[in-house]
Amino acid sequence: MKITALLVLKCNPDGSDPVFLANALDVSHFGYFQRSSVKEFIFFVGRTVAKRTPPSQRQSVQHEEYKVHSYNRDGLCAVGFMDDNYPVRSAFSLLNQVLDEYQKAFGESWRAAQADGNQPWPYLNDALTKFQACAFFYLYDPAEADKLLKIQRELDETKIILHKTIDSVLARGEKLDSLVEKSSDLSAASQMFYKQAKKTNQCCTILGIRLFPCRVVLGGSIFEESEDICDLV
């Protein structure tokens, strides 16, 4: 199980692009020369998914071997990039805690943010490390584990929208190619990488092209996505 990134963003009610407030990334498992583009794609995909996550909604987007999880709480949004083995409920428990801790640390100051920033926030980097293997967080702090388990129980009856690809998150008429071309998060080199990968039918490391079936494994039960909404029970 692997967490590649945790992001915190402000989602604007007018539909404009979300603003980055804090981020923590671990791209050490990528090749050295890939890391710059991988980081850019993480910011691009994170902003794209956050923008399309309505208030009070949780959703997951399948990306090759990754899931991008997003939770928008009244405009404050947490996004996590986890591998496909990271349990969905555990991922959203962590995102919920990230938002709790962010508001404890910064209050409502985020509402005034107008441009991307990266406030020094040691908690986010610590969380990225601590919860890499969520099944073993009991070893770190039993009190922390109890807190997350309580959140997980509260999520048992929560509906999480699951998407097979990022394309299914986009509004009708939106094209991923166009968003890539217009994105301020992507350098010319990263845009070229995306175009070449698509042209040669290869898969970008972060920005997946292939269609994968979405499934959630909870307590030994598998819920296949049929109508984009799965009950986590």
Protein backbone atom coordinates (compact mmCIF):
# COMPACT_ATOMS: atom_id res chain seq x y z
CA MET A 1 0.00 0.00 0.00
CA LYS A 2 1.35 3.37 -0.98
CA ILE A 3 0.41 7.04 -0.61
CA THR A 4 2.04 9.20 -3.26
CA ALA A 5 0.48 12.56 -2.40
CA LEU A 6 -1.80 14.41 0.02
CA LEU A 7 -3.16 17.77 -1.12
CA VAL A 8 -5.33 20.43 0.53
CA LEU A 9 -7.16 22.90 -1.68
CA LYS A 10 -9.73 25.67 -1.48
CA CYS A 11 -12.60 25.01 -3.90
CA ASN A 12 -14.23 28.19 -5.14
CA PRO A 13 -18.04 28.35 -5.28
CA ASP A 14 -17.90 30.29 -8.56
CA GLY A 15 -16.43 27.26 -10.33
CA SER A 16 -12.98 28.76 -10.92
CA ASP A 17 -9.88 26.64 -10.44
CA PRO A 18 -9.21 25.50 -6.86
CA VAL A 19 -6.31 27.05 -4.96
CA PHE A 20 -3.60 24.89 -3.41
CA LEU A 21 -3.15 25.44 0.31
CA ALA A 22 -0.75 22.65 1.30
CA ASN A 23 0.78 19.54 -0.19
CA ALA A 24 3.00 16.60 0.68
CA LEU A 25 4.42 14.31 -2.01
CA ASP A 26 6.57 11.20 -2.14
CA VAL A 27 7.75 10.49 -5.69
CA SER A 28 10.88 8.59 -4.68
CA HIS A 29 9.53 5.40 -6.29
CA PHE A 30 9.60 7.06 -9.72
CA GLY A 31 12.67 7.41 -11.90
CA TYR A 32 14.77 10.49 -11.19
CA PHE A 33 14.06 12.10 -14.56
CA GLN A 34 10.33 11.38 -14.27
CA ARG A 35 9.80 13.07 -10.93
CA SER A 36 9.35 16.62 -12.14
CA SER A 37 6.63 15.63 -14.63
CA VAL A 38 5.01 13.29 -12.09
CA LYS A 39 4.72 16.16 -9.59
CA GLU A 40 3.17 18.40 -12.24
CA PHE A 41 0.65 15.73 -13.20
CA ILE A 42 -0.24 15.21 -9.53
CA PHE A 43 -1.04 18.91 -9.19
CA PHE A 44 -2.93 18.93 -12.49
CA VAL A 45 -5.02 15.84 -11.68
CA GLY A 46 -5.54 16.94 -8.08
CA ARG A 47 -6.83 20.35 -9.13
CA THR A 48 -8.99 18.81 -11.87
CA VAL A 49 -10.64 16.29 -9.54
CA ALA A 50 -11.07 18.76 -6.65
CA LYS A 51 -12.76 21.27 -8.95
CA ARG A 52 -15.31 18.60 -9.90
CA THR A 53 -16.01 17.38 -6.37
CA PRO A 54 -19.16 19.16 -5.11
CA PRO A 55 -19.40 20.27 -1.46
CA SER A 56 -20.06 17.41 0.99
CA GLN A 57 -19.21 14.83 -1.66
CA ARG A 58 -16.58 12.10 -1.62
CA GLN A 59 -15.40 10.56 -4.86
CA SER A 60 -12.66 8.29 -6.15
CA VAL A 61 -11.15 8.25 -9.62
CA GLN A 62 -9.34 5.18 -10.95
CA HIS A 63 -5.97 5.86 -12.57
CA GLU A 64 -4.10 2.78 -13.74
CA GLU A 65 -2.85 1.28 -10.46
CA TYR A 66 -3.85 4.44 -8.56
CA LYS A 67 -7.01 5.83 -7.05
CA VAL A 68 -7.37 9.57 -6.58
CA HIS A 69 -9.65 10.20 -3.59
CA SER A 70 -11.27 13.60 -3.04
CA TYR A 71 -13.40 14.97 -0.20
CA ASN A 72 -14.87 18.49 -0.33
CA ARG A 73 -16.01 19.79 3.04
CA ASP A 74 -17.71 23.15 2.58
CA GLY A 75 -15.09 24.32 0.11
CA LEU A 76 -12.06 22.91 1.92
CA CYS A 77 -10.96 19.87 -0.07
CA ALA A 78 -8.47 17.09 0.63
CA VAL A 79 -7.15 14.91 -2.20
CA GLY A 80 -5.09 11.74 -1.82
CA PHE A 81 -3.22 9.70 -4.41
CA MET A 82 -3.09 6.09 -3.19
CA ASP A 83 -2.29 2.83 -4.93
CA ASP A 84 -5.08 0.43 -5.75
CA ASN A 85 -4.42 -1.69 -2.65
CA TYR A 86 -5.09 1.13 -0.18
CA PRO A 87 -8.56 0.53 1.36
CA VAL A 88 -11.10 3.13 0.29
CA ARG A 89 -12.58 3.70 3.74
CA SER A 90 -9.11 4.11 5.24
CA ALA A 91 -8.25 6.63 2.53
CA PHE A 92 -11.31 8.76 3.28
CA SER A 93 -10.76 8.43 7.02
CA LEU A 94 -7.32 9.92 6.48
CA LEU A 95 -8.65 12.73 4.27
CA ASN A 96 -11.27 13.54 6.91
CA GLN A 97 -8.56 13.74 9.57
CA VAL A 98 -6.37 15.90 7.31
CA LEU A 99 -9.20 18.44 7.02
CA ASP A 100 -9.80 18.34 10.79
CA GLU A 101 -6.14 18.97 11.51
CA TYR A 102 -5.88 21.70 8.87
CA GLN A 103 -8.74 23.65 10.42
CA LYS A 104 -7.25 23.21 13.88
CA ALA A 105 -3.95 24.62 12.63
CA PHE A 106 -5.20 27.43 10.38
CA GLY A 107 -8.84 28.04 11.33
CA GLU A 108 -10.84 29.76 8.60
CA SER A 109 -7.92 31.68 7.12
CA TRP A 110 -8.04 29.45 4.04
CA ARG A 111 -11.23 31.17 2.89
CA ALA A 112 -9.23 34.30 2.03
CA ALA A 113 -6.72 32.45 -0.17
CA GLN A 114 -6.68 33.79 -3.73
CA ALA A 115 -3.56 32.12 -5.16
CA ASP A 116 -1.65 28.87 -4.79
CA GLY A 117 0.44 28.60 -1.68
CA ASN A 118 2.20 25.94 0.36
CA GLN A 119 1.99 26.87 4.02
CA PRO A 120 4.58 25.14 6.21
CA TRP A 121 2.61 22.35 7.83
CA PRO A 122 4.67 19.47 9.26
CA TYR A 123 1.54 17.42 10.01
CA LEU A 124 0.87 16.69 6.34
CA ASN A 125 4.35 15.31 5.68
CA ASP A 126 4.15 13.29 8.89
CA ALA A 127 0.77 11.87 7.84
CA LEU A 128 2.14 10.94 4.42
CA THR A 129 4.82 8.87 6.15
CA LYS A 130 2.81 7.53 9.08
CA PHE A 131 -0.12 6.19 7.09
CA GLN A 132 1.76 4.64 4.16
CA ALA A 133 0.67 1.22 5.36
CA CYS A 134 -2.71 2.00 6.86
CA ALA A 135 -3.17 -1.56 8.09
CA PHE A 136 -0.29 -1.02 10.52
CA PHE A 137 -1.14 2.39 11.95
CA TYR A 138 -1.94 0.69 15.26
CA LEU A 139 1.81 0.32 15.71
CA TYR A 140 2.30 4.08 15.69
CA ASP A 141 -0.35 5.45 17.99
CA PRO A 142 -3.33 3.51 19.39
CA ALA A 143 -5.19 6.76 20.10
CA GLU A 144 -4.70 7.80 16.48
CA ALA A 145 -5.95 4.41 15.36
CA ASP A 146 -9.08 4.73 17.51
CA LYS A 147 -9.78 8.12 15.97
CA LEU A 148 -9.50 6.79 12.43
CA LEU A 149 -11.59 3.71 13.19
CA LYS A 150 -14.35 5.93 14.56
CA ILE A 151 -14.32 7.93 11.32
CA GLN A 152 -14.37 4.70 9.32
CA ARG A 153 -17.48 3.54 11.14
CA GLU A 154 -19.15 6.85 10.34
CA LEU A 155 -18.29 6.25 6.67
CA ASP A 156 -19.95 2.83 6.63
CA GLU A 157 -23.22 4.25 5.33
CA THR A 158 -21.67 6.95 3.19
CA LYS A 159 -21.97 6.85 -0.57
CA ILE A 160 -18.76 7.45 -2.45
CA ILE A 161 -18.91 8.13 -6.17
CA LEU A 162 -16.46 5.95 -8.05
CA HIS A 163 -15.20 6.79 -11.53
CA LYS A 164 -13.42 4.40 -13.89
CA THR A 165 -11.25 7.11 -15.45
CA ILE A 166 -10.68 10.82 -15.08
CA ASP A 167 -12.69 11.32 -18.28
CA SER A 168 -15.86 10.32 -16.43
CA VAL A 169 -15.27 13.14 -13.92
CA LEU A 170 -15.26 15.79 -16.63
CA ALA A 171 -18.36 17.75 -17.54
CA ARG A 172 -20.07 16.99 -20.82
CA GLY A 173 -18.13 18.58 -23.64
CA GLU A 174 -14.88 18.76 -21.66
CA LYS A 175 -11.90 16.96 -23.14
CA LEU A 176 -8.86 15.87 -21.17
CA ASP A 177 -6.54 16.78 -24.05
CA SER A 178 -7.83 20.35 -23.97
CA LEU A 179 -7.40 20.61 -20.19
CA VAL A 180 -3.83 19.34 -20.46
CA GLU A 181 -3.06 21.90 -23.17
CA LYS A 182 -4.49 24.80 -21.15
CA SER A 183 -3.19 23.76 -17.73
CA SER A 184 -0.84 26.12 -15.92
CA ASP A 185 0.27 23.17 -13.76
CA LEU A 186 2.02 21.44 -16.66
CA SER A 187 5.24 22.53 -18.30
CA ALA A 188 5.74 22.24 -22.05
CA ALA A 189 7.88 19.15 -21.43
CA SER A 190 5.12 17.44 -19.43
CA GLN A 191 2.50 18.31 -22.03
CA MET A 192 4.75 16.81 -24.72
CA PHE A 193 5.24 13.70 -22.58
CA TYR A 194 1.47 13.28 -22.32
CA LYS A 195 0.95 13.70 -26.06
CA GLN A 196 3.71 11.26 -26.95
CA ALA A 197 2.45 8.68 -24.46
CA LYS A 198 -1.04 8.89 -25.89
CA LYS A 199 0.18 8.84 -29.49
CA THR A 200 2.19 5.67 -28.93
CA ASN A 201 -0.63 4.11 -26.87
CA GLN A 202 1.50 4.05 -23.74
CA CYS A 203 0.26 4.94 -20.28
CA CYS A 204 1.42 8.02 -18.46
CA THR A 205 2.73 7.17 -15.02
CA ILE A 206 0.16 9.30 -13.22
CA LEU A 207 -2.28 10.46 -15.87
CA GLY A 208 -3.81 7.14 -16.95
CA ILE A 209 -5.22 6.54 -20.40
CA ARG A 210 -6.47 2.98 -20.11
CA LEU A 211 -9.90 2.00 -18.84
CA PHE A 212 -9.86 -0.12 -15.71
CA PRO A 213 -12.86 -1.60 -13.89
CA CYS A 214 -13.39 0.01 -10.53
CA ARG A 215 -13.88 -2.17 -7.51
CA VAL A 216 -13.79 -1.72 -3.78
CA VAL A 217 -12.82 -4.51 -1.41
CA LEU A 218 -14.24 -4.14 2.08
CA GLY A 219 -14.43 -6.84 4.69
CA GLY A 220 -14.05 -9.57 2.12
CA SER A 221 -16.84 -8.20 -0.10
CA ILE A 222 -16.32 -6.70 -3.54
CA PHE A 223 -18.56 -3.96 -4.89
CA GLU A 224 -18.25 -3.56 -8.66
CA GLU A 225 -19.14 -0.18 -10.06
CA SER A 226 -22.26 -0.37 -12.20
CA GLU A 227 -23.83 3.06 -12.00
CA ASP A 228 -20.96 5.13 -10.61
CA ILE A 229 -22.24 4.90 -7.04
CA CYS A 230 -21.32 2.19 -4.57
CA ASP A 231 -22.63 1.82 -1.03
CA LEU A 232 -19.85 1.16 1.43
CA VAL A 233 -21.61 -1.17 3.86
